């Protein structure tokens, strides 16, 4: 029965993800078709992720240039600072050189209120090393930079406590999950959304864990927009 259910979910995922391709075949520009946001039930979304063996050969953190000048190069705020400003639950004062004063943030991994900004890390939802393992090793340097500074999807970069980010390190959901049980469905959905956005693969243990999460998160949706 489990194999039958997974096969059905995989078929539904393939159908859902074929829509942009169908639009392109109908004469729409490829870039326009790729930019259409997609919303899938979490189980369907997980089953849409390609399965592959991970390989970390050649990985260096420096292969992913970050933090760059962000969405607005003229404002003096790099990507890290722009994420902090966007995710503040109480806005900080932004001073010269994008110095942040005050402000309050919510670290959903461990359900902690955090201040000041310097106590936060900006986590790559799918860590750089994991991205490399899952397909980014074949990208150009400019695409890896775009990934490492992705402001185009809120789930890609998240402000969290330094402690939780360093506990997570470069681990996938088969190896690490947020300590807050209430964060599990959101985390599984955002991990899946990031991998779908960038066309990254999962390995078997990662896929199994994500399917386990999905089974307990009925009603959770995964929203993503394929990266340019």
N, C-alpha and C. Protein backbone atom coordinates (compact mmCIF):
# COMPACT_ATOMS: atom_id res chain seq x y z
N UNK A 1 0.83 -1.20 0.00
CA UNK A 1 0.00 0.00 0.00
C UNK A 1 0.87 1.25 0.00
N UNK A 2 1.96 1.27 0.77
CA UNK A 2 2.84 2.44 0.83
C UNK A 2 3.42 2.75 -0.54
N UNK A 3 3.85 1.69 -1.28
CA UNK A 3 4.42 1.91 -2.60
C UNK A 3 3.37 2.50 -3.53
N UNK A 4 2.14 1.98 -3.45
CA UNK A 4 1.05 2.48 -4.30
C UNK A 4 0.77 3.95 -4.02
N UNK A 5 0.70 4.33 -2.73
CA UNK A 5 0.43 5.71 -2.37
C UNK A 5 1.54 6.63 -2.83
N UNK A 6 2.78 6.23 -2.64
CA UNK A 6 3.89 7.08 -3.06
C UNK A 6 3.91 7.23 -4.57
N UNK A 7 3.56 6.15 -5.31
CA UNK A 7 3.52 6.23 -6.75
C UNK A 7 2.46 7.21 -7.21
N UNK A 8 1.31 7.19 -6.53
CA UNK A 8 0.23 8.11 -6.88
C UNK A 8 0.64 9.55 -6.62
N UNK A 9 1.29 9.78 -5.49
CA UNK A 9 1.75 11.13 -5.16
C UNK A 9 2.78 11.61 -6.16
N UNK A 10 3.71 10.72 -6.54
CA UNK A 10 4.73 11.08 -7.52
C UNK A 10 4.11 11.44 -8.85
N UNK A 11 3.06 10.69 -9.26
CA UNK A 11 2.39 10.98 -10.52
C UNK A 11 1.72 12.35 -10.46
N UNK A 12 1.11 12.66 -9.32
CA UNK A 12 0.47 13.97 -9.16
C UNK A 12 1.50 15.09 -9.22
N UNK A 13 2.66 14.84 -8.62
CA UNK A 13 3.73 15.84 -8.63
C UNK A 13 4.22 16.09 -10.04
N UNK A 14 4.42 15.02 -10.78
CA UNK A 14 4.89 15.16 -12.16
C UNK A 14 3.90 15.96 -12.99
N UNK A 15 2.60 15.71 -12.77
CA UNK A 15 1.58 16.45 -13.50
C UNK A 15 1.62 17.93 -13.14
N UNK A 16 1.73 18.23 -11.85
CA UNK A 16 1.74 19.62 -11.41
C UNK A 16 2.93 20.37 -11.98
N UNK A 17 4.10 19.74 -11.97
CA UNK A 17 5.30 20.42 -12.43
C UNK A 17 5.41 20.46 -13.94
N UNK A 18 4.54 19.74 -14.64
CA UNK A 18 4.56 19.77 -16.09
C UNK A 18 3.85 21.00 -16.64
N UNK A 19 3.11 21.74 -15.78
CA UNK A 19 2.33 22.87 -16.26
C UNK A 19 3.19 23.97 -16.89
N UNK A 20 4.33 24.37 -16.26
CA UNK A 20 5.16 25.38 -16.92
C UNK A 20 5.70 24.90 -18.26
N UNK A 21 6.06 23.62 -18.34
CA UNK A 21 6.55 23.08 -19.60
C UNK A 21 5.47 23.12 -20.66
N UNK A 22 4.23 22.82 -20.25
CA UNK A 22 3.11 22.87 -21.19
C UNK A 22 2.89 24.28 -21.69
N UNK A 23 3.04 25.25 -20.80
CA UNK A 23 2.87 26.65 -21.20
C UNK A 23 3.93 27.05 -22.22
N UNK A 24 5.15 26.59 -21.99
CA UNK A 24 6.23 26.89 -22.92
C UNK A 24 5.94 26.26 -24.28
N UNK A 25 5.45 25.01 -24.26
CA UNK A 25 5.13 24.33 -25.51
C UNK A 25 4.02 25.04 -26.26
N UNK A 26 3.15 25.74 -25.52
CA UNK A 26 2.05 26.46 -26.15
C UNK A 26 2.48 27.79 -26.74
N UNK A 27 3.76 28.13 -26.59
CA UNK A 27 4.27 29.33 -27.22
C UNK A 27 4.66 30.43 -26.28
N UNK A 28 4.49 30.25 -24.95
CA UNK A 28 4.90 31.27 -24.01
C UNK A 28 6.41 31.24 -23.87
N UNK A 29 7.06 32.40 -23.62
CA UNK A 29 8.51 32.42 -23.43
C UNK A 29 8.91 31.56 -22.24
N UNK A 30 10.05 30.89 -22.34
CA UNK A 30 10.50 29.99 -21.26
C UNK A 30 10.67 30.75 -19.96
N UNK A 31 11.23 31.97 -20.00
CA UNK A 31 11.47 32.71 -18.76
C UNK A 31 10.16 33.04 -18.07
N UNK A 32 9.13 33.41 -18.87
CA UNK A 32 7.84 33.74 -18.28
C UNK A 32 7.21 32.53 -17.64
N UNK A 33 7.30 31.37 -18.32
CA UNK A 33 6.73 30.15 -17.77
C UNK A 33 7.43 29.77 -16.47
N UNK A 34 8.75 29.93 -16.42
CA UNK A 34 9.52 29.53 -15.24
C UNK A 34 9.21 30.42 -14.05
N UNK A 35 8.74 31.66 -14.29
CA UNK A 35 8.53 32.60 -13.20
C UNK A 35 7.17 32.44 -12.52
N UNK A 36 6.35 31.53 -13.00
CA UNK A 36 5.01 31.35 -12.42
C UNK A 36 5.12 30.69 -11.05
N UNK A 37 4.62 31.33 -9.98
CA UNK A 37 4.64 30.69 -8.65
C UNK A 37 3.80 29.43 -8.67
N UNK A 38 4.24 28.43 -7.93
CA UNK A 38 3.52 27.17 -7.84
C UNK A 38 3.23 26.86 -6.38
N UNK A 39 2.07 26.29 -6.12
CA UNK A 39 1.67 25.88 -4.79
C UNK A 39 1.24 24.42 -4.86
N UNK A 40 1.89 23.58 -4.07
CA UNK A 40 1.62 22.14 -4.07
C UNK A 40 1.41 21.65 -2.65
N UNK A 41 0.55 20.65 -2.44
CA UNK A 41 0.50 20.00 -1.13
C UNK A 41 1.88 19.45 -0.80
N UNK A 42 2.24 19.46 0.46
CA UNK A 42 3.62 19.12 0.82
C UNK A 42 4.03 17.73 0.34
N UNK A 43 3.14 16.75 0.43
CA UNK A 43 3.50 15.41 -0.03
C UNK A 43 3.78 15.36 -1.51
N UNK A 44 2.98 16.07 -2.30
CA UNK A 44 3.20 16.15 -3.73
C UNK A 44 4.51 16.86 -4.03
N UNK A 45 4.77 17.94 -3.30
CA UNK A 45 6.00 18.71 -3.52
C UNK A 45 7.25 17.87 -3.23
N UNK A 46 7.24 17.14 -2.11
CA UNK A 46 8.39 16.31 -1.77
C UNK A 46 8.62 15.26 -2.86
N UNK A 47 7.55 14.66 -3.33
CA UNK A 47 7.68 13.62 -4.36
C UNK A 47 8.14 14.17 -5.70
N UNK A 48 8.03 15.49 -5.88
CA UNK A 48 8.51 16.11 -7.12
C UNK A 48 10.02 16.31 -7.13
N UNK A 49 10.66 16.20 -5.98
CA UNK A 49 12.11 16.41 -5.91
C UNK A 49 12.85 15.25 -6.57
N UNK A 50 13.81 15.54 -7.45
CA UNK A 50 14.56 14.46 -8.08
C UNK A 50 15.43 13.73 -7.05
N UNK A 51 15.60 12.44 -7.25
CA UNK A 51 16.38 11.61 -6.34
C UNK A 51 17.77 11.38 -6.94
N UNK A 52 18.81 11.60 -6.14
CA UNK A 52 20.19 11.43 -6.64
C UNK A 52 21.12 11.16 -5.46
N UNK A 53 22.26 10.57 -5.76
CA UNK A 53 23.30 10.35 -4.75
C UNK A 53 24.09 11.64 -4.56
N UNK A 54 24.34 12.01 -3.31
CA UNK A 54 25.06 13.25 -3.05
C UNK A 54 26.57 13.05 -3.20
N UNK A 55 27.24 14.12 -3.62
CA UNK A 55 28.69 14.06 -3.82
C UNK A 55 29.28 15.42 -3.45
N UNK A 56 30.10 15.46 -2.41
CA UNK A 56 30.68 16.72 -1.94
C UNK A 56 32.06 16.98 -2.52
N UNK A 57 32.50 16.19 -3.46
CA UNK A 57 33.83 16.36 -4.04
C UNK A 57 34.03 17.78 -4.55
N UNK A 58 35.09 18.43 -4.09
CA UNK A 58 35.45 19.75 -4.59
C UNK A 58 34.77 20.90 -3.90
N UNK A 59 33.93 20.64 -2.91
CA UNK A 59 33.20 21.74 -2.27
C UNK A 59 34.12 22.67 -1.50
N UNK A 60 33.91 23.96 -1.68
CA UNK A 60 34.52 25.01 -0.87
C UNK A 60 33.46 26.08 -0.63
N UNK A 61 33.37 26.53 0.60
CA UNK A 61 32.38 27.57 0.91
C UNK A 61 32.59 28.81 0.05
N UNK A 62 33.83 29.09 -0.30
CA UNK A 62 34.14 30.27 -1.10
C UNK A 62 33.59 30.16 -2.53
N UNK A 63 33.11 28.98 -2.92
CA UNK A 63 32.51 28.83 -4.25
C UNK A 63 31.16 29.55 -4.35
N UNK A 64 30.61 29.93 -3.19
CA UNK A 64 29.34 30.65 -3.14
C UNK A 64 29.61 32.05 -2.57
N UNK A 65 29.77 33.03 -3.43
CA UNK A 65 30.10 34.38 -2.96
C UNK A 65 28.92 34.99 -2.21
N UNK A 66 29.15 35.40 -0.98
CA UNK A 66 28.13 36.08 -0.18
C UNK A 66 28.86 36.80 0.95
N UNK A 67 28.31 37.79 1.56
CA UNK A 67 27.07 38.45 1.18
C UNK A 67 27.39 39.55 0.16
N UNK A 68 26.56 39.67 -0.89
CA UNK A 68 26.83 40.71 -1.87
C UNK A 68 26.02 41.98 -1.55
N UNK A 69 25.89 42.88 -2.52
CA UNK A 69 25.29 44.18 -2.24
C UNK A 69 23.77 44.15 -2.13
N UNK A 70 23.18 42.97 -2.27
CA UNK A 70 21.75 42.82 -2.04
C UNK A 70 20.89 43.33 -3.17
N UNK A 71 19.60 43.48 -2.88
CA UNK A 71 18.64 43.86 -3.92
C UNK A 71 18.80 45.31 -4.37
N UNK A 72 19.32 46.17 -3.47
CA UNK A 72 19.49 47.59 -3.79
C UNK A 72 20.94 47.99 -3.49
N UNK A 73 21.82 47.90 -4.47
CA UNK A 73 23.24 48.18 -4.23
C UNK A 73 23.52 49.59 -3.72
N UNK A 74 22.58 50.51 -3.88
CA UNK A 74 22.83 51.90 -3.50
C UNK A 74 22.48 52.20 -2.05
N UNK A 75 21.85 51.24 -1.34
CA UNK A 75 21.40 51.57 0.02
C UNK A 75 22.40 51.25 1.11
N UNK A 76 23.54 50.67 0.72
CA UNK A 76 24.57 50.36 1.70
C UNK A 76 24.32 49.10 2.51
N UNK A 77 23.22 48.41 2.23
CA UNK A 77 22.87 47.20 2.97
C UNK A 77 23.18 45.96 2.14
N UNK A 78 23.98 45.04 2.69
CA UNK A 78 24.23 43.81 1.97
C UNK A 78 23.07 42.83 2.17
N UNK A 79 23.18 41.66 1.60
CA UNK A 79 22.09 40.69 1.66
C UNK A 79 21.73 40.35 3.10
N UNK A 80 22.72 40.13 3.93
CA UNK A 80 22.46 39.79 5.33
C UNK A 80 21.61 40.87 6.00
N UNK A 81 21.98 42.12 5.80
CA UNK A 81 21.27 43.21 6.45
C UNK A 81 19.86 43.36 5.90
N UNK A 82 19.70 43.12 4.61
CA UNK A 82 18.37 43.23 4.01
C UNK A 82 17.44 42.14 4.56
N UNK A 83 17.96 40.96 4.79
CA UNK A 83 17.15 39.89 5.39
C UNK A 83 16.74 40.29 6.81
N UNK A 84 17.67 40.83 7.58
CA UNK A 84 17.36 41.25 8.94
C UNK A 84 16.27 42.32 8.96
N UNK A 85 16.38 43.29 8.08
CA UNK A 85 15.37 44.36 8.03
C UNK A 85 14.01 43.78 7.65
N UNK A 86 13.99 42.87 6.68
CA UNK A 86 12.73 42.31 6.19
C UNK A 86 12.05 41.42 7.23
N UNK A 87 12.85 40.72 8.05
CA UNK A 87 12.28 39.72 8.95
C UNK A 87 12.05 40.23 10.37
N UNK A 88 12.40 41.46 10.65
CA UNK A 88 12.21 41.99 12.00
C UNK A 88 10.73 42.04 12.36
N UNK A 89 10.40 41.59 13.56
CA UNK A 89 9.01 41.71 14.03
C UNK A 89 8.79 43.07 14.69
N UNK A 90 9.87 43.71 15.13
CA UNK A 90 9.87 45.11 15.51
C UNK A 90 11.04 45.75 14.78
N UNK A 91 10.74 46.68 13.91
CA UNK A 91 11.74 47.20 13.00
C UNK A 91 12.88 47.91 13.72
N UNK A 92 14.12 47.65 13.29
CA UNK A 92 15.25 48.39 13.85
C UNK A 92 15.38 49.75 13.18
N UNK A 93 16.13 50.61 13.81
CA UNK A 93 16.49 51.88 13.18
C UNK A 93 17.68 51.62 12.27
N UNK A 94 17.59 52.07 11.04
CA UNK A 94 18.66 51.85 10.06
C UNK A 94 19.47 53.13 9.93
N UNK A 95 20.72 53.06 10.35
CA UNK A 95 21.58 54.23 10.33
C UNK A 95 22.56 54.22 9.17
N UNK A 96 23.49 55.17 9.15
CA UNK A 96 24.50 55.24 8.09
C UNK A 96 25.28 53.93 7.98
N UNK A 97 25.57 53.53 6.74
CA UNK A 97 26.28 52.28 6.52
C UNK A 97 25.46 51.05 6.85
N UNK A 98 24.13 51.24 6.92
CA UNK A 98 23.19 50.15 7.25
C UNK A 98 23.43 49.59 8.64
N UNK A 99 23.82 50.45 9.56
CA UNK A 99 23.94 50.05 10.96
C UNK A 99 22.55 49.90 11.56
N UNK A 100 22.28 48.76 12.19
CA UNK A 100 20.97 48.51 12.77
C UNK A 100 21.00 48.72 14.28
N UNK A 101 20.06 49.53 14.76
CA UNK A 101 19.94 49.79 16.19
C UNK A 101 18.55 49.36 16.64
N UNK A 102 18.50 48.62 17.76
CA UNK A 102 17.21 48.13 18.24
C UNK A 102 16.69 47.03 17.36
N UNK A 103 15.37 46.85 17.38
CA UNK A 103 14.75 45.79 16.59
C UNK A 103 14.61 44.51 17.38
N UNK A 104 13.61 43.72 17.00
CA UNK A 104 13.35 42.41 17.62
C UNK A 104 13.06 41.41 16.51
N UNK A 105 13.58 40.17 16.67
CA UNK A 105 13.39 39.11 15.69
C UNK A 105 12.86 37.86 16.39
N UNK A 106 12.20 37.00 15.60
CA UNK A 106 11.69 35.73 16.11
C UNK A 106 12.41 34.60 15.38
N UNK A 107 13.16 33.80 16.13
CA UNK A 107 13.86 32.64 15.57
C UNK A 107 12.93 31.43 15.66
N UNK A 108 12.33 31.06 14.55
CA UNK A 108 11.30 30.02 14.61
C UNK A 108 11.88 28.62 14.81
N UNK A 109 13.15 28.41 14.53
CA UNK A 109 13.75 27.09 14.74
C UNK A 109 13.62 26.66 16.21
N UNK A 110 13.85 27.62 17.11
CA UNK A 110 13.86 27.29 18.54
C UNK A 110 12.90 28.17 19.35
N UNK A 111 12.03 28.90 18.65
CA UNK A 111 11.00 29.73 19.27
C UNK A 111 11.58 30.68 20.31
N UNK A 112 12.50 31.50 19.85
CA UNK A 112 13.14 32.48 20.74
C UNK A 112 13.03 33.88 20.15
N UNK A 113 12.73 34.83 21.03
CA UNK A 113 12.78 36.24 20.65
C UNK A 113 14.23 36.69 20.77
N UNK A 114 14.70 37.42 19.77
CA UNK A 114 16.12 37.75 19.71
C UNK A 114 16.32 39.24 19.49
N UNK A 115 17.25 39.80 20.22
CA UNK A 115 17.74 41.15 20.03
C UNK A 115 19.11 41.20 20.72
N UNK A 116 20.08 41.92 20.20
CA UNK A 116 20.08 42.75 19.01
C UNK A 116 20.34 41.93 17.75
N UNK A 117 20.47 42.65 16.61
CA UNK A 117 20.67 41.99 15.33
C UNK A 117 21.94 41.14 15.29
N UNK A 118 22.94 41.57 16.04
CA UNK A 118 24.20 40.83 16.03
C UNK A 118 24.11 39.45 16.64
N UNK A 119 23.02 39.14 17.34
CA UNK A 119 22.84 37.82 17.95
C UNK A 119 22.26 36.81 16.97
N UNK A 120 21.98 37.27 15.74
CA UNK A 120 21.34 36.41 14.75
C UNK A 120 22.33 35.97 13.67
N UNK A 121 22.09 34.77 13.16
CA UNK A 121 22.74 34.31 11.93
C UNK A 121 21.69 34.34 10.83
N UNK A 122 22.14 34.49 9.59
CA UNK A 122 21.26 34.31 8.45
C UNK A 122 21.55 32.92 7.89
N UNK A 123 20.58 32.04 8.06
CA UNK A 123 20.74 30.65 7.64
C UNK A 123 20.31 30.48 6.19
N UNK A 124 21.14 29.78 5.41
CA UNK A 124 20.69 29.30 4.11
C UNK A 124 19.82 28.08 4.39
N UNK A 125 18.53 28.17 4.06
CA UNK A 125 17.61 27.08 4.37
C UNK A 125 18.19 25.74 3.94
N UNK A 126 18.63 25.65 2.70
CA UNK A 126 19.41 24.50 2.24
C UNK A 126 20.86 24.95 2.26
N UNK A 127 21.67 24.43 3.19
CA UNK A 127 23.04 24.92 3.36
C UNK A 127 23.86 24.85 2.07
N UNK A 128 24.87 25.69 2.00
CA UNK A 128 25.67 25.76 0.78
C UNK A 128 26.30 24.41 0.43
N UNK A 129 26.82 23.71 1.43
CA UNK A 129 27.42 22.40 1.16
C UNK A 129 26.39 21.41 0.66
N UNK A 130 25.20 21.44 1.24
CA UNK A 130 24.12 20.56 0.81
C UNK A 130 23.68 20.89 -0.61
N UNK A 131 23.64 22.17 -0.93
CA UNK A 131 23.30 22.58 -2.30
C UNK A 131 24.35 22.06 -3.28
N UNK A 132 25.60 22.16 -2.90
CA UNK A 132 26.69 21.63 -3.75
C UNK A 132 26.49 20.14 -4.00
N UNK A 133 26.22 19.41 -2.93
CA UNK A 133 26.00 17.96 -3.05
C UNK A 133 24.85 17.62 -3.98
N UNK A 134 23.86 18.53 -4.03
CA UNK A 134 22.58 18.22 -4.65
C UNK A 134 22.42 18.77 -6.06
N UNK A 135 23.49 19.34 -6.60
CA UNK A 135 23.43 19.83 -7.97
C UNK A 135 24.17 21.11 -8.25
N UNK A 136 24.44 21.92 -7.22
CA UNK A 136 25.07 23.22 -7.44
C UNK A 136 26.53 23.11 -7.87
N UNK A 137 27.12 21.94 -7.70
CA UNK A 137 28.51 21.77 -8.16
C UNK A 137 28.62 21.95 -9.67
N UNK A 138 27.51 21.79 -10.38
CA UNK A 138 27.52 21.92 -11.84
C UNK A 138 27.14 23.33 -12.31
N UNK A 139 26.88 24.24 -11.36
CA UNK A 139 26.46 25.58 -11.73
C UNK A 139 27.65 26.49 -12.04
N UNK A 140 27.33 27.60 -12.69
CA UNK A 140 28.33 28.66 -12.87
C UNK A 140 28.53 29.40 -11.55
N UNK A 141 29.63 30.12 -11.45
CA UNK A 141 29.89 30.88 -10.22
C UNK A 141 28.82 31.95 -9.99
N UNK A 142 28.31 32.54 -11.06
CA UNK A 142 27.29 33.57 -10.91
C UNK A 142 25.97 32.98 -10.40
N UNK A 143 25.64 31.77 -10.81
CA UNK A 143 24.42 31.14 -10.31
C UNK A 143 24.59 30.75 -8.84
N UNK A 144 25.76 30.30 -8.46
CA UNK A 144 25.99 29.99 -7.04
C UNK A 144 25.92 31.25 -6.19
N UNK A 145 26.40 32.37 -6.72
CA UNK A 145 26.27 33.64 -5.99
C UNK A 145 24.79 34.03 -5.85
N UNK A 146 24.02 33.84 -6.92
CA UNK A 146 22.59 34.16 -6.86
C UNK A 146 21.90 33.28 -5.81
N UNK A 147 22.29 32.03 -5.73
CA UNK A 147 21.71 31.12 -4.73
C UNK A 147 22.04 31.58 -3.31
N UNK A 148 23.29 31.92 -3.10
CA UNK A 148 23.75 32.28 -1.76
C UNK A 148 23.17 33.60 -1.27
N UNK A 149 22.64 34.40 -2.19
CA UNK A 149 22.08 35.72 -1.84
C UNK A 149 20.62 35.83 -2.29
N UNK A 150 19.90 34.73 -2.25
CA UNK A 150 18.56 34.66 -2.82
C UNK A 150 17.54 35.43 -2.00
N UNK A 151 17.16 36.61 -2.50
CA UNK A 151 16.12 37.41 -1.87
C UNK A 151 14.78 37.28 -2.59
N UNK A 152 14.74 36.39 -3.59
CA UNK A 152 13.54 36.25 -4.40
C UNK A 152 12.50 35.33 -3.82
N UNK A 153 12.84 34.62 -2.76
CA UNK A 153 11.90 33.73 -2.09
C UNK A 153 12.19 33.77 -0.60
N UNK A 154 11.19 34.11 0.20
CA UNK A 154 11.42 34.34 1.62
C UNK A 154 12.01 33.14 2.33
N UNK A 155 11.66 31.94 1.88
CA UNK A 155 12.11 30.72 2.57
C UNK A 155 13.60 30.47 2.39
N UNK A 156 14.23 31.07 1.40
CA UNK A 156 15.62 30.72 1.07
C UNK A 156 16.61 31.13 2.14
N UNK A 157 16.38 32.30 2.75
CA UNK A 157 17.27 32.83 3.78
C UNK A 157 16.42 33.18 4.99
N UNK A 158 16.87 32.79 6.19
CA UNK A 158 16.05 33.00 7.38
C UNK A 158 16.93 33.42 8.55
N UNK A 159 16.47 34.44 9.27
CA UNK A 159 17.20 34.93 10.45
C UNK A 159 16.84 34.06 11.65
N UNK A 160 17.87 33.43 12.25
CA UNK A 160 17.66 32.54 13.40
C UNK A 160 18.77 32.76 14.42
N UNK A 161 18.60 32.17 15.60
CA UNK A 161 19.66 32.28 16.60
C UNK A 161 20.95 31.66 16.07
N UNK A 162 22.06 32.25 16.45
CA UNK A 162 23.35 31.70 16.04
C UNK A 162 23.50 30.26 16.52
N UNK A 163 22.99 29.98 17.72
CA UNK A 163 23.12 28.63 18.27
C UNK A 163 22.40 27.60 17.40
N UNK A 164 21.17 27.89 17.00
CA UNK A 164 20.43 26.91 16.20
C UNK A 164 21.05 26.75 14.82
N UNK A 165 21.53 27.84 14.24
CA UNK A 165 22.15 27.75 12.93
C UNK A 165 23.41 26.90 12.98
N UNK A 166 24.17 27.04 14.04
CA UNK A 166 25.43 26.28 14.12
C UNK A 166 25.19 24.82 14.50
N UNK A 167 24.09 24.57 15.21
CA UNK A 167 23.72 23.18 15.46
C UNK A 167 23.30 22.49 14.15
N UNK A 168 22.60 23.22 13.35
CA UNK A 168 22.16 22.68 12.05
C UNK A 168 23.36 22.45 11.14
N UNK A 169 24.26 23.42 11.06
CA UNK A 169 25.45 23.35 10.23
C UNK A 169 25.04 23.05 8.78
N UNK A 170 25.61 21.99 8.19
CA UNK A 170 25.31 21.66 6.79
C UNK A 170 24.44 20.41 6.67
N UNK A 171 23.68 20.11 7.73
CA UNK A 171 22.91 18.87 7.76
C UNK A 171 21.54 19.00 7.07
N UNK A 172 21.10 17.90 6.46
CA UNK A 172 19.78 17.88 5.85
C UNK A 172 18.75 17.36 6.86
N UNK A 173 17.46 17.33 6.52
CA UNK A 173 16.45 16.94 7.50
C UNK A 173 16.56 15.52 8.03
N UNK A 174 17.28 14.65 7.35
CA UNK A 174 17.50 13.31 7.89
C UNK A 174 18.47 13.34 9.06
N UNK A 175 19.23 14.45 9.18
CA UNK A 175 20.26 14.55 10.20
C UNK A 175 19.95 15.60 11.28
N UNK A 176 19.15 16.60 10.91
CA UNK A 176 18.84 17.68 11.87
C UNK A 176 17.48 18.27 11.55
N UNK A 177 16.72 18.56 12.61
CA UNK A 177 15.45 19.27 12.49
C UNK A 177 15.36 20.28 13.63
N UNK A 178 14.57 21.33 13.47
CA UNK A 178 14.42 22.33 14.54
C UNK A 178 13.97 21.70 15.84
N UNK A 179 14.41 22.27 16.94
CA UNK A 179 14.05 21.73 18.25
C UNK A 179 12.58 21.96 18.58
N UNK A 180 11.97 22.95 17.97
CA UNK A 180 10.55 23.23 18.21
C UNK A 180 9.68 22.32 17.35
N UNK A 181 8.83 21.51 18.00
CA UNK A 181 7.93 20.63 17.26
C UNK A 181 6.98 21.44 16.38
N UNK A 182 6.62 22.63 16.84
CA UNK A 182 5.70 23.48 16.07
C UNK A 182 6.34 24.00 14.78
N UNK A 183 7.65 23.91 14.67
CA UNK A 183 8.34 24.42 13.49
C UNK A 183 8.47 23.37 12.39
N UNK A 184 8.13 22.11 12.69
CA UNK A 184 8.46 21.00 11.81
C UNK A 184 7.81 21.13 10.43
N UNK A 185 6.50 21.42 10.38
CA UNK A 185 5.82 21.48 9.10
C UNK A 185 6.34 22.65 8.26
N UNK A 186 6.53 23.79 8.91
CA UNK A 186 7.07 24.95 8.18
C UNK A 186 8.46 24.64 7.65
N UNK A 187 9.29 24.03 8.47
CA UNK A 187 10.67 23.76 8.05
C UNK A 187 10.69 22.78 6.87
N UNK A 188 9.90 21.71 6.97
CA UNK A 188 9.85 20.74 5.87
C UNK A 188 9.37 21.39 4.59
N UNK A 189 8.37 22.27 4.70
CA UNK A 189 7.84 22.94 3.51
C UNK A 189 8.86 23.91 2.92
N UNK A 190 9.57 24.65 3.78
CA UNK A 190 10.53 25.64 3.27
C UNK A 190 11.78 24.97 2.69
N UNK A 191 12.20 23.87 3.29
CA UNK A 191 13.32 23.11 2.72
C UNK A 191 12.94 22.62 1.32
N UNK A 192 11.76 22.03 1.22
CA UNK A 192 11.29 21.49 -0.06
C UNK A 192 11.13 22.61 -1.08
N UNK A 193 10.58 23.75 -0.66
CA UNK A 193 10.40 24.88 -1.57
C UNK A 193 11.73 25.37 -2.12
N UNK A 194 12.74 25.42 -1.27
CA UNK A 194 14.05 25.90 -1.72
C UNK A 194 14.67 24.95 -2.73
N UNK A 195 14.56 23.65 -2.46
CA UNK A 195 15.13 22.68 -3.41
C UNK A 195 14.37 22.70 -4.74
N UNK A 196 13.05 22.83 -4.69
CA UNK A 196 12.29 22.92 -5.93
C UNK A 196 12.62 24.20 -6.69
N UNK A 197 12.75 25.30 -5.97
CA UNK A 197 13.07 26.58 -6.63
C UNK A 197 14.34 26.48 -7.44
N UNK A 198 15.34 25.80 -6.89
CA UNK A 198 16.65 25.76 -7.53
C UNK A 198 16.93 24.45 -8.25
N UNK A 199 15.97 23.56 -8.34
CA UNK A 199 16.16 22.31 -9.07
C UNK A 199 17.16 21.38 -8.43
N UNK A 200 17.22 21.38 -7.11
CA UNK A 200 18.18 20.54 -6.39
C UNK A 200 17.57 19.19 -6.04
N UNK A 201 18.42 18.18 -5.97
CA UNK A 201 17.98 16.80 -5.71
C UNK A 201 17.97 16.49 -4.22
N UNK A 202 17.41 15.34 -3.87
CA UNK A 202 17.47 14.79 -2.52
C UNK A 202 18.05 13.38 -2.59
N UNK A 203 18.67 12.95 -1.48
CA UNK A 203 19.08 11.55 -1.43
C UNK A 203 17.98 10.74 -0.76
N UNK A 204 18.15 9.42 -0.67
CA UNK A 204 17.06 8.56 -0.20
C UNK A 204 16.68 8.82 1.25
N UNK A 205 17.66 8.98 2.14
CA UNK A 205 17.34 9.23 3.54
C UNK A 205 16.63 10.56 3.72
N UNK A 206 17.08 11.56 2.99
CA UNK A 206 16.46 12.88 3.04
C UNK A 206 15.01 12.81 2.54
N UNK A 207 14.81 12.12 1.43
CA UNK A 207 13.47 11.97 0.88
C UNK A 207 12.55 11.27 1.87
N UNK A 208 13.04 10.19 2.48
CA UNK A 208 12.22 9.45 3.44
C UNK A 208 11.81 10.33 4.62
N UNK A 209 12.76 11.12 5.14
CA UNK A 209 12.44 11.98 6.26
C UNK A 209 11.43 13.06 5.87
N UNK A 210 11.59 13.62 4.68
CA UNK A 210 10.65 14.64 4.23
C UNK A 210 9.26 14.06 4.02
N UNK A 211 9.18 12.83 3.53
CA UNK A 211 7.87 12.18 3.37
C UNK A 211 7.25 11.89 4.72
N UNK A 212 8.07 11.52 5.70
CA UNK A 212 7.56 11.32 7.07
C UNK A 212 6.98 12.62 7.62
N UNK A 213 7.70 13.72 7.40
CA UNK A 213 7.21 15.03 7.86
C UNK A 213 5.89 15.35 7.16
N UNK A 214 5.87 15.15 5.84
CA UNK A 214 4.66 15.45 5.07
C UNK A 214 3.46 14.66 5.57
N UNK A 215 3.69 13.41 5.97
CA UNK A 215 2.59 12.57 6.44
C UNK A 215 1.93 13.13 7.69
N UNK A 216 2.69 13.88 8.49
CA UNK A 216 2.14 14.47 9.70
C UNK A 216 1.75 15.93 9.55
N UNK A 217 1.80 16.44 8.32
CA UNK A 217 1.55 17.86 8.08
C UNK A 217 0.46 18.07 7.04
N UNK A 218 -0.62 17.29 7.14
CA UNK A 218 -1.73 17.44 6.22
C UNK A 218 -2.24 18.86 6.20
N UNK A 219 -2.49 19.37 5.01
CA UNK A 219 -2.95 20.75 4.87
C UNK A 219 -1.84 21.74 4.64
N UNK A 220 -0.59 21.34 4.88
CA UNK A 220 0.55 22.23 4.64
C UNK A 220 0.83 22.31 3.15
N UNK A 221 1.05 23.51 2.66
CA UNK A 221 1.36 23.71 1.24
C UNK A 221 2.79 24.21 1.07
N UNK A 222 3.35 23.89 -0.07
CA UNK A 222 4.68 24.34 -0.44
C UNK A 222 4.53 25.32 -1.59
N UNK A 223 4.98 26.55 -1.37
CA UNK A 223 4.91 27.57 -2.42
C UNK A 223 6.32 27.93 -2.86
N UNK A 224 6.55 27.91 -4.17
CA UNK A 224 7.88 28.23 -4.69
C UNK A 224 7.75 28.81 -6.09
N UNK A 225 8.76 29.57 -6.47
CA UNK A 225 8.87 30.08 -7.82
C UNK A 225 10.21 29.63 -8.38
N UNK A 226 10.23 28.89 -9.48
CA UNK A 226 11.51 28.45 -10.03
C UNK A 226 12.46 29.64 -10.25
N UNK A 227 13.70 29.45 -9.85
CA UNK A 227 14.69 30.53 -9.96
C UNK A 227 14.98 30.85 -11.42
N UNK A 228 15.28 32.10 -11.70
CA UNK A 228 15.61 32.49 -13.10
C UNK A 228 16.81 31.71 -13.61
